[in-house]
Structure formats: structure tokens, C-alpha cells
């Protein structure tokens, strides 16, 4: 077995609150436009329709993602939030993109 040097990885994460209702199709379009620096996104969103329902979502670079078709069981205790993981994240641009979904 030959040892190979590992390339250094600098992954960061950021959490952005999204306390307003979102259309799942608009969120999926936003996720599919994420820059290559974002490797993963996941979180909870408040649906525009049916009003007030919360759903989880996930997205992985190169694989796409989805908004879960299942309602969260205990939605009152879970805040709507998006978590992004990657290298060289532009947090301001991610926040601006989410706010544009309002």
C-alpha cells in the first residue's frame, strides 16, 4: 500500500435564516444555480403553499437535490434555515439569493 499525500481542504459552513414563506420550485431553481464553491446545502423552509407547512430540503453538488414531500412532525420547534457547506463561500451572495426568493 502506497501512501499518497492528501490535498488540503478548507471547508466552511454558514447558516442563513429564512423566516419567510418560499415556493419549493423557486428554491430548487436557486439551489441548481449555486456556484461550484458550494458542495452541499440543507435546511428547513416554510412553504408558501400549503401556507405555514415546513419541509426539509437537501442538495449536493453534481447530484441535485429535493424538497421533501413529507411535512415535519414537530414544526414549531424547528426554525426555517439554510446551511451551506463548501470552500470560499460568498455568504453575502448566498443570503442575497435567498432573500430574492421572498
C-alpha atoms as a PDB file:
ATOM      1  CA  UNK A   1       0.000   0.000   0.000  1.00  0.00           C
ATOM      2  CA  UNK A   2       1.434   3.303  -1.064  1.00  0.00           C
ATOM      3  CA  UNK A   3       0.805   6.436   0.949  1.00  0.00           C
ATOM      4  CA  UNK A   4      -0.311   9.416  -1.082  1.00  0.00           C
ATOM      5  CA  UNK A   5      -0.329  12.939   0.245  1.00  0.00           C
ATOM      6  CA  UNK A   6      -3.806  14.340   0.763  1.00  0.00           C
ATOM      7  CA  UNK A   7      -4.674  17.652  -0.765  1.00  0.00           C
ATOM      8  CA  UNK A   8      -5.658  20.221   1.826  1.00  0.00           C
ATOM      9  CA  UNK A   9      -9.360  21.051   2.011  1.00  0.00           C
ATOM     10  CA  UNK A  10     -10.755  24.122   3.637  1.00  0.00           C
ATOM     11  CA  UNK A  11     -14.468  23.651   4.031  1.00  0.00           C
ATOM     12  CA  UNK A  12     -16.624  26.263   5.663  1.00  0.00           C
ATOM     13  CA  UNK A  13     -20.262  26.297   6.564  1.00  0.00           C
ATOM     14  CA  UNK A  14     -22.722  29.088   7.049  1.00  0.00           C
ATOM     15  CA  UNK A  15     -26.250  29.198   8.365  1.00  0.00           C
ATOM     16  CA  UNK A  16     -28.764  31.684   6.963  1.00  0.00           C
ATOM     17  CA  UNK A  17     -32.204  32.164   8.481  1.00  0.00           C
ATOM     18  CA  UNK A  18     -35.122  32.180   6.022  1.00  0.00           C
ATOM     19  CA  UNK A  19     -38.126  33.210   8.144  1.00  0.00           C
ATOM     20  CA  UNK A  20     -40.452  33.884   5.199  1.00  0.00           C
ATOM     21  CA  UNK A  21     -42.502  31.529   3.015  1.00  0.00           C
ATOM     22  CA  UNK A  22     -40.826  30.118  -0.105  1.00  0.00           C
ATOM     23  CA  UNK A  23     -42.114  28.311  -3.163  1.00  0.00           C
ATOM     24  CA  UNK A  24     -40.315  24.930  -3.349  1.00  0.00           C
ATOM     25  CA  UNK A  25     -39.818  25.194  -7.121  1.00  0.00           C
ATOM     26  CA  UNK A  26     -38.120  28.586  -6.700  1.00  0.00           C
ATOM     27  CA  UNK A  27     -35.846  27.154  -4.005  1.00  0.00           C
ATOM     28  CA  UNK A  28     -34.901  24.206  -6.222  1.00  0.00           C
ATOM     29  CA  UNK A  29     -34.068  26.608  -9.082  1.00  0.00           C
ATOM     30  CA  UNK A  30     -31.908  28.664  -6.686  1.00  0.00           C
ATOM     31  CA  UNK A  31     -30.103  25.539  -5.486  1.00  0.00           C
ATOM     32  CA  UNK A  32     -29.410  24.438  -9.059  1.00  0.00           C
ATOM     33  CA  UNK A  33     -27.741  27.811  -9.732  1.00  0.00           C
ATOM     34  CA  UNK A  34     -25.383  27.630  -6.750  1.00  0.00           C
ATOM     35  CA  UNK A  35     -21.733  28.325  -7.565  1.00  0.00           C
ATOM     36  CA  UNK A  36     -19.232  25.471  -7.684  1.00  0.00           C
ATOM     37  CA  UNK A  37     -17.786  26.506  -4.308  1.00  0.00           C
ATOM     38  CA  UNK A  38     -20.947  25.200  -2.624  1.00  0.00           C
ATOM     39  CA  UNK A  39     -20.708  21.449  -2.110  1.00  0.00           C
ATOM     40  CA  UNK A  40     -23.843  20.867  -0.047  1.00  0.00           C
ATOM     41  CA  UNK A  41     -26.945  22.677   1.141  1.00  0.00           C
ATOM     42  CA  UNK A  42     -29.656  21.567   3.504  1.00  0.00           C
ATOM     43  CA  UNK A  43     -32.195  23.026   5.821  1.00  0.00           C
ATOM     44  CA  UNK A  44     -35.817  23.705   6.570  1.00  0.00           C
ATOM     45  CA  UNK A  45     -38.163  26.011   4.703  1.00  0.00           C
ATOM     46  CA  UNK A  46     -41.556  27.494   5.396  1.00  0.00           C
ATOM     47  CA  UNK A  47     -43.823  26.773   2.432  1.00  0.00           C
ATOM     48  CA  UNK A  48     -45.823  29.418   0.647  1.00  0.00           C
ATOM     49  CA  UNK A  49     -48.441  26.756  -0.236  1.00  0.00           C
ATOM     50  CA  UNK A  50     -49.777  24.989   1.738  1.00  0.00           C
ATOM     51  CA  UNK A  51     -49.308  28.031   3.917  1.00  0.00           C
ATOM     52  CA  UNK A  52     -47.308  27.517   7.081  1.00  0.00           C
ATOM     53  CA  UNK A  53     -46.069  23.985   6.416  1.00  0.00           C
ATOM     54  CA  UNK A  54     -42.379  23.346   6.982  1.00  0.00           C
ATOM     55  CA  UNK A  55     -40.344  20.914   4.909  1.00  0.00           C
ATOM     56  CA  UNK A  56     -36.731  19.855   4.869  1.00  0.00           C
ATOM     57  CA  UNK A  57     -34.554  20.173   1.791  1.00  0.00           C
ATOM     58  CA  UNK A  58     -31.147  18.945   0.699  1.00  0.00           C
ATOM     59  CA  UNK A  59     -28.858  19.471  -2.261  1.00  0.00           C
ATOM     60  CA  UNK A  60     -25.454  18.002  -3.191  1.00  0.00           C
ATOM     61  CA  UNK A  61     -23.167  19.404  -5.883  1.00  0.00           C
ATOM     62  CA  UNK A  62     -23.306  17.284  -9.029  1.00  0.00           C
ATOM     63  CA  UNK A  63     -26.277  15.284  -7.761  1.00  0.00           C
ATOM     64  CA  UNK A  64     -29.013  17.883  -7.387  1.00  0.00           C
ATOM     65  CA  UNK A  65     -31.490  17.899  -4.589  1.00  0.00           C
ATOM     66  CA  UNK A  66     -35.064  17.961  -3.483  1.00  0.00           C
ATOM     67  CA  UNK A  67     -37.597  19.436  -1.142  1.00  0.00           C
ATOM     68  CA  UNK A  68     -39.002  16.635   0.969  1.00  0.00           C
ATOM     69  CA  UNK A  69     -42.619  15.742   0.212  1.00  0.00           C
ATOM     70  CA  UNK A  70     -43.131  14.974   3.922  1.00  0.00           C
ATOM     71  CA  UNK A  71     -44.230  17.556   6.465  1.00  0.00           C
ATOM     72  CA  UNK A  72     -42.039  17.955   9.520  1.00  0.00           C
ATOM     73  CA  UNK A  73     -43.541  16.267  12.560  1.00  0.00           C
ATOM     74  CA  UNK A  74     -42.725  18.999  15.088  1.00  0.00           C
ATOM     75  CA  UNK A  75     -42.568  22.197  13.014  1.00  0.00           C
ATOM     76  CA  UNK A  76     -42.968  24.644  15.914  1.00  0.00           C
ATOM     77  CA  UNK A  77     -39.556  23.785  17.360  1.00  0.00           C
ATOM     78  CA  UNK A  78     -37.618  23.978  14.089  1.00  0.00           C
ATOM     79  CA  UNK A  79     -36.647  27.365  12.651  1.00  0.00           C
ATOM     80  CA  UNK A  80     -36.517  27.858   8.874  1.00  0.00           C
ATOM     81  CA  UNK A  81     -32.829  27.947   7.970  1.00  0.00           C
ATOM     82  CA  UNK A  82     -30.443  27.065   5.156  1.00  0.00           C
ATOM     83  CA  UNK A  83     -26.987  25.619   5.799  1.00  0.00           C
ATOM     84  CA  UNK A  84     -24.364  25.756   3.072  1.00  0.00           C
ATOM     85  CA  UNK A  85     -21.064  23.845   3.083  1.00  0.00           C
ATOM     86  CA  UNK A  86     -18.176  24.468   0.715  1.00  0.00           C
ATOM     87  CA  UNK A  87     -14.913  26.267   0.175  1.00  0.00           C
ATOM     88  CA  UNK A  88     -14.647  30.006  -0.335  1.00  0.00           C
ATOM     89  CA  UNK A  89     -18.331  30.591   0.336  1.00  0.00           C
ATOM     90  CA  UNK A  90     -19.678  34.040  -0.507  1.00  0.00           C
ATOM     91  CA  UNK A  91     -22.101  34.290   2.386  1.00  0.00           C
ATOM     92  CA  UNK A  92     -23.421  37.698   1.319  1.00  0.00           C
ATOM     93  CA  UNK A  93     -24.284  36.390  -2.166  1.00  0.00           C
ATOM     94  CA  UNK A  94     -25.967  33.286  -0.721  1.00  0.00           C
ATOM     95  CA  UNK A  95     -28.028  35.449   1.658  1.00  0.00           C
ATOM     96  CA  UNK A  96     -28.955  37.821  -1.180  1.00  0.00           C
ATOM     97  CA  UNK A  97     -30.034  34.881  -3.360  1.00  0.00           C
ATOM     98  CA  UNK A  98     -32.271  33.515  -0.621  1.00  0.00           C
ATOM     99  CA  UNK A  99     -33.776  36.937   0.089  1.00  0.00           C
ATOM    100  CA  UNK A 100     -34.640  37.262  -3.603  1.00  0.00           C
ATOM    101  CA  UNK A 101     -36.997  34.288  -3.127  1.00  0.00           C
ATOM    102  CA  UNK A 102     -39.185  36.337  -0.773  1.00  0.00           C
END
